[in-house]
Structures are given as structure tokens and as C-alpha cells.
């Protein structure tokens, strides 16, 4: 594992001081539970999420001349699950993820939600180990090429698009979790979205937030047809 991670460190151009942070960053809760360990990546993911938002907010504020609302939408496109999954794929992070036996059989190391979470956990580890300036450099090296390539678009904010449509039509909008399955470390949520109490879309994903986006996407497709 350490030898493999050396490849990653070279790719990121960092010189880690405390390898424990990085080992924890790749430990899924299923692996931790199965091996009676103490820490999975979730706390580091929480930290990495905040670091990522700050770095991208700072970069976009200084480099893009847009109003607050448009900046928020643009930032969302580069910190959404689809984008994080793509960054993870580029870095081949699936090679380092440790999951439990059942999760491995279920393809857990390649699931979008897990790979997205792992990217944030890794950024949290770099921040704790090497500080803000280093993690900022790492993140910008990864993400700015996507920002500068107009052919690459990570559009995930379907909820905002649907909200704007509903506001224009002066109609009510609500989301509801209608199904929740799986163990705590591998849940699946199904959400529907209602406009004026009529179901227009349904979405299923590994988090409530992403399921809501999928439901909004489904609804927008149906509204476009109408």
C-alpha cells in the first residue's frame, strides 16, 4: 500500500509527513468495521469538502467576473459528485481504496459516491499533514485544467434549474425520500420531486443530495417534453 501510494504522492507532487492521515483517507467504513478498526475516511471527507469549497471559491472570485449567484452555480459544477468522481478516476484512486469483502464484491471501490468521497478525504489528509497552501496548489493543479477547458462540463445543479422554472411559473416544489435501503456504509436513497403535489421526477443515488439532483433531472426532462 505504501509503495503504491508513493506513485500517487509523486503524481500530486507532495512529500507526506504523516502517512497515517493518508491511510485513513482510503479506509471505507465497511473495511473498518470488518477489521475492527477505529477510523474510516468520513471525518477527513468532511474536512476536505470544506477545503475544496474554500479553494474553489477563492479561485473563482479572483479569476471569474460573475455575480454571486452565478459564481455559486459555477463552483457547484466543479465540486459536485460527478466532478469529484472524475478527479478520482484521473488519479486512479480506486487502487488505494480499502473496502470490506461484501463491498468489494459489490464493486464498491468503483462506485461514484465512494470515489467522490475518497477524493475529499484525500484533500482533508493533505490539508492536515501539509497545510492549506499545499492542498490549494494540489487542488488547483487538478481542477483548473477542467475550468479552462470549455468542452468539459460537470452540470449537476438540476435542483437550481428546476427551482428557477417553478418560481417563474409560481408553483410549489418539494422533495421526499420514498425509499432507503442498505447498511449504513452503503445506503441507497430514492427521492421523488413534486410540483404542486404531483410527482414529476424520481431519482436514486448513494446520498440524499444526489438522489434529489437525479429526481430534479428526471423532472426537467419531462417538463422539456411538455
Protein backbone atom coordinates (compact mmCIF):
# COMPACT_ATOMS: atom_id res chain seq x y z
CA UNK A 1 0.00 0.00 0.00
CA UNK A 2 2.76 2.45 0.96
CA UNK A 3 4.71 1.69 -2.23
CA UNK A 4 1.59 2.17 -4.33
CA UNK A 5 0.86 5.44 -2.56
CA UNK A 6 4.34 6.68 -3.43
CA UNK A 7 3.14 6.75 -7.05
CA UNK A 8 0.20 8.91 -6.01
CA UNK A 9 2.38 11.25 -3.98
CA UNK A 10 4.67 11.76 -6.98
CA UNK A 11 1.67 12.47 -9.19
CA UNK A 12 0.41 15.04 -6.68
CA UNK A 13 3.94 16.41 -6.18
CA UNK A 14 3.77 16.22 -2.39
CA UNK A 15 6.12 14.96 0.31
CA UNK A 16 3.91 13.50 3.07
CA UNK A 17 4.99 13.74 6.70
CA UNK A 18 2.35 11.60 8.42
CA UNK A 19 1.25 8.58 6.38
CA UNK A 20 -1.47 7.73 8.90
CA UNK A 21 -3.65 10.54 7.53
CA UNK A 22 -3.48 9.06 4.04
CA UNK A 23 -4.10 5.50 5.17
CA UNK A 24 -7.23 6.66 6.99
CA UNK A 25 -8.35 8.66 3.95
CA UNK A 26 -8.70 5.45 1.93
CA UNK A 27 -10.45 3.32 4.59
CA UNK A 28 -14.14 2.87 3.88
CA UNK A 29 -16.40 2.20 6.86
CA UNK A 30 -17.09 -1.36 5.62
CA UNK A 31 -13.36 -2.13 5.80
CA UNK A 32 -13.01 -0.51 9.23
CA UNK A 33 -15.99 -2.40 10.64
CA UNK A 34 -14.84 -5.71 9.19
CA UNK A 35 -11.33 -5.32 10.62
CA UNK A 36 -12.40 -3.83 13.98
CA UNK A 37 -10.51 -0.60 13.36
CA UNK A 38 -11.23 2.87 14.76
CA UNK A 39 -11.27 5.36 11.91
CA UNK A 40 -12.77 5.47 8.43
CA UNK A 41 -12.46 8.34 5.94
CA UNK A 42 -15.67 10.16 6.84
CA UNK A 43 -14.19 12.82 9.16
CA UNK A 44 -11.46 13.58 6.64
CA UNK A 45 -14.11 13.78 3.92
CA UNK A 46 -15.98 16.38 5.99
CA UNK A 47 -12.82 18.46 6.28
CA UNK A 48 -11.81 18.00 2.65
CA UNK A 49 -15.24 19.14 1.48
CA UNK A 50 -14.80 22.46 3.30
CA UNK A 51 -11.24 22.92 1.99
CA UNK A 52 -12.37 22.21 -1.57
CA UNK A 53 -15.19 24.77 -1.37
CA UNK A 54 -12.85 27.44 0.02
CA UNK A 55 -10.16 26.85 -2.61
CA UNK A 56 -12.63 26.98 -5.49
CA UNK A 57 -14.46 29.98 -4.04
CA UNK A 58 -11.17 31.86 -3.76
CA UNK A 59 -10.07 30.87 -7.27
CA UNK A 60 -13.36 31.77 -8.96
CA UNK A 61 -13.70 35.06 -7.07
CA UNK A 62 -10.26 36.14 -8.25
CA UNK A 63 -10.48 34.82 -11.80
CA UNK A 64 -14.10 34.95 -12.96
CA UNK A 65 -16.16 38.13 -13.24
CA UNK A 66 -19.64 36.88 -12.39
CA UNK A 67 -22.33 37.81 -9.88
CA UNK A 68 -22.67 35.88 -6.62
CA UNK A 69 -25.46 33.60 -7.81
CA UNK A 70 -23.63 32.65 -10.99
CA UNK A 71 -20.39 32.09 -9.06
CA UNK A 72 -22.26 29.74 -6.73
CA UNK A 73 -23.59 27.71 -9.68
CA UNK A 74 -20.18 27.61 -11.34
CA UNK A 75 -18.47 26.47 -8.12
CA UNK A 76 -21.11 23.77 -7.65
CA UNK A 77 -20.27 22.31 -11.05
CA UNK A 78 -16.63 21.74 -10.04
CA UNK A 79 -17.26 20.38 -6.55
CA UNK A 80 -20.25 18.15 -7.37
CA UNK A 81 -20.16 14.37 -7.12
CA UNK A 82 -19.73 13.93 -10.87
CA UNK A 83 -16.68 16.22 -10.88
CA UNK A 84 -15.10 14.61 -7.81
CA UNK A 85 -15.60 11.18 -9.36
CA UNK A 86 -13.79 12.37 -12.50
CA UNK A 87 -10.87 13.75 -10.46
CA UNK A 88 -10.69 10.43 -8.60
CA UNK A 89 -10.66 8.50 -11.85
CA UNK A 90 -7.86 10.67 -13.23
CA UNK A 91 -5.77 9.98 -10.13
CA UNK A 92 -6.70 6.27 -10.18
CA UNK A 93 -7.71 6.45 -6.53
CA UNK A 94 -9.67 3.19 -6.76
CA UNK A 95 -6.31 1.38 -6.49
CA UNK A 96 -5.89 2.63 -2.93
CA UNK A 97 -9.43 2.35 -1.55
CA UNK A 98 -9.93 -0.30 1.12
CA UNK A 99 -13.44 -1.69 1.42
CA UNK A 100 -14.94 -4.69 3.20
CA UNK A 101 -15.40 -8.05 1.49
CA UNK A 102 -19.07 -7.55 0.70
CA UNK A 103 -18.49 -4.04 -0.63
CA UNK A 104 -15.61 -5.34 -2.77
CA UNK A 105 -17.88 -7.94 -4.35
CA UNK A 106 -20.45 -5.21 -4.98
CA UNK A 107 -17.86 -3.11 -6.83
CA UNK A 108 -17.56 -0.58 -4.01
CA UNK A 109 -14.10 0.64 -4.93
CA UNK A 110 -15.50 1.93 -8.22
CA UNK A 111 -18.81 3.39 -7.00
CA UNK A 112 -19.21 7.04 -7.88
CA UNK A 113 -20.25 8.14 -4.38
CA UNK A 114 -17.33 6.35 -2.71
CA UNK A 115 -14.75 7.60 -5.19
CA UNK A 116 -16.07 11.14 -4.82
CA UNK A 117 -15.90 10.87 -1.01
CA UNK A 118 -12.37 9.48 -1.18
CA UNK A 119 -11.16 12.46 -3.19
CA UNK A 120 -12.42 14.84 -0.50
CA UNK A 121 -10.92 12.66 2.25
CA UNK A 122 -7.55 12.74 0.48
CA UNK A 123 -7.68 16.54 0.31
CA UNK A 124 -8.51 16.60 4.02
CA UNK A 125 -5.47 14.42 4.70
CA UNK A 126 -3.17 16.69 2.67
CA UNK A 127 -4.53 19.74 4.49
CA UNK A 128 -3.90 18.24 7.94
CA UNK A 129 -0.48 16.91 7.00
CA UNK A 130 0.98 19.69 4.87
CA UNK A 131 -1.22 22.75 5.35
CA UNK A 132 -3.51 24.95 3.30
CA UNK A 133 -1.00 26.29 0.76
CA UNK A 134 -0.02 22.79 -0.35
CA UNK A 135 -3.56 21.43 -0.63
CA UNK A 136 -4.57 24.59 -2.51
CA UNK A 137 -1.79 24.01 -5.05
CA UNK A 138 -2.76 20.34 -5.42
CA UNK A 139 -6.44 21.15 -5.93
CA UNK A 140 -5.84 23.93 -8.44
CA UNK A 141 -3.45 21.72 -10.42
CA UNK A 142 -6.20 19.12 -10.67
CA UNK A 143 -9.25 21.32 -11.24
CA UNK A 144 -8.11 24.41 -13.18
CA UNK A 145 -7.46 22.43 -16.39
CA UNK A 146 -11.14 21.44 -16.30
CA UNK A 147 -12.21 25.05 -15.71
CA UNK A 148 -10.11 26.20 -18.65
CA UNK A 149 -11.47 23.51 -20.99
CA UNK A 150 -14.91 24.67 -22.22
CA UNK A 151 -15.62 21.21 -23.68
CA UNK A 152 -15.76 19.69 -20.19
CA UNK A 153 -18.92 20.49 -18.25
CA UNK A 154 -19.92 18.95 -14.91
CA UNK A 155 -23.53 20.03 -14.69
CA UNK A 156 -25.21 18.69 -11.59
CA UNK A 157 -27.27 21.56 -10.23
CA UNK A 158 -30.56 20.37 -11.68
CA UNK A 159 -32.29 21.39 -8.44
CA UNK A 160 -31.49 25.06 -9.03
CA UNK A 161 -32.64 24.83 -12.64
CA UNK A 162 -35.92 23.24 -11.55
CA UNK A 163 -36.34 25.79 -8.77
CA UNK A 164 -35.97 28.64 -11.28
CA UNK A 165 -38.58 27.06 -13.55
CA UNK A 166 -41.03 26.63 -10.68
CA UNK A 167 -40.52 30.19 -9.43
CA UNK A 168 -41.20 31.54 -12.90
CA UNK A 169 -44.45 29.58 -13.02
CA UNK A 170 -45.25 30.43 -9.36
CA UNK A 171 -45.73 26.76 -8.47
CA UNK A 172 -44.81 24.80 -5.32
CA UNK A 173 -41.84 22.40 -5.21
CA UNK A 174 -40.98 19.66 -2.69
CA UNK A 175 -38.68 16.63 -2.36
CA UNK A 176 -39.48 13.45 -0.42
CA UNK A 177 -37.39 10.38 0.43
CA UNK A 178 -39.64 7.46 -0.53
CA UNK A 179 -37.20 4.58 -0.02
CA UNK A 180 -33.97 3.94 1.86
CA UNK A 181 -32.08 0.66 1.56
CA UNK A 182 -28.78 -0.94 2.53
CA UNK A 183 -26.44 -0.85 5.55
CA UNK A 184 -25.18 2.44 6.97
CA UNK A 185 -21.94 2.30 4.98
CA UNK A 186 -23.68 1.58 1.67
CA UNK A 187 -27.12 3.18 1.65
CA UNK A 188 -29.27 3.84 -1.38
CA UNK A 189 -31.87 6.62 -1.32
CA UNK A 190 -34.84 7.07 -3.64
CA UNK A 191 -36.39 10.54 -3.76
CA UNK A 192 -39.32 11.95 -5.66
CA UNK A 193 -39.91 15.57 -6.53
CA UNK A 194 -43.40 17.08 -6.58
CA UNK A 195 -44.61 20.20 -8.34
CA UNK A 196 -47.98 21.32 -6.97
CA UNK A 197 -48.21 17.93 -5.18
CA UNK A 198 -47.82 16.00 -8.44
CA UNK A 199 -44.79 13.70 -8.80
CA UNK A 200 -42.70 14.83 -11.77
CA UNK A 201 -39.45 13.01 -11.15
CA UNK A 202 -37.78 10.17 -9.24
CA UNK A 203 -34.08 9.66 -8.52
CA UNK A 204 -31.96 7.02 -6.78
CA UNK A 205 -28.39 7.53 -5.56
CA UNK A 206 -25.96 6.86 -2.72
CA UNK A 207 -26.80 10.12 -0.93
CA UNK A 208 -30.00 12.11 -0.39
CA UNK A 209 -28.44 15.16 -2.04
CA UNK A 210 -27.51 13.27 -5.20
CA UNK A 211 -30.88 11.47 -5.30
CA UNK A 212 -32.61 14.86 -5.21
CA UNK A 213 -30.45 16.01 -8.13
CA UNK A 214 -31.38 12.88 -10.07
CA UNK A 215 -35.07 13.45 -9.34
CA UNK A 216 -34.80 17.09 -10.48
CA UNK A 217 -33.01 15.95 -13.64
CA UNK A 218 -35.82 13.48 -14.33
CA UNK A 219 -38.44 16.21 -13.79
CA UNK A 220 -36.68 18.68 -16.09
CA UNK A 221 -36.61 16.07 -18.84
CA UNK A 222 -40.36 15.54 -18.53
CA UNK A 223 -41.07 19.26 -18.41
CA UNK A 224 -38.98 19.78 -21.53
CA UNK A 225 -41.12 17.23 -23.36
CA UNK A 226 -44.25 19.10 -22.32
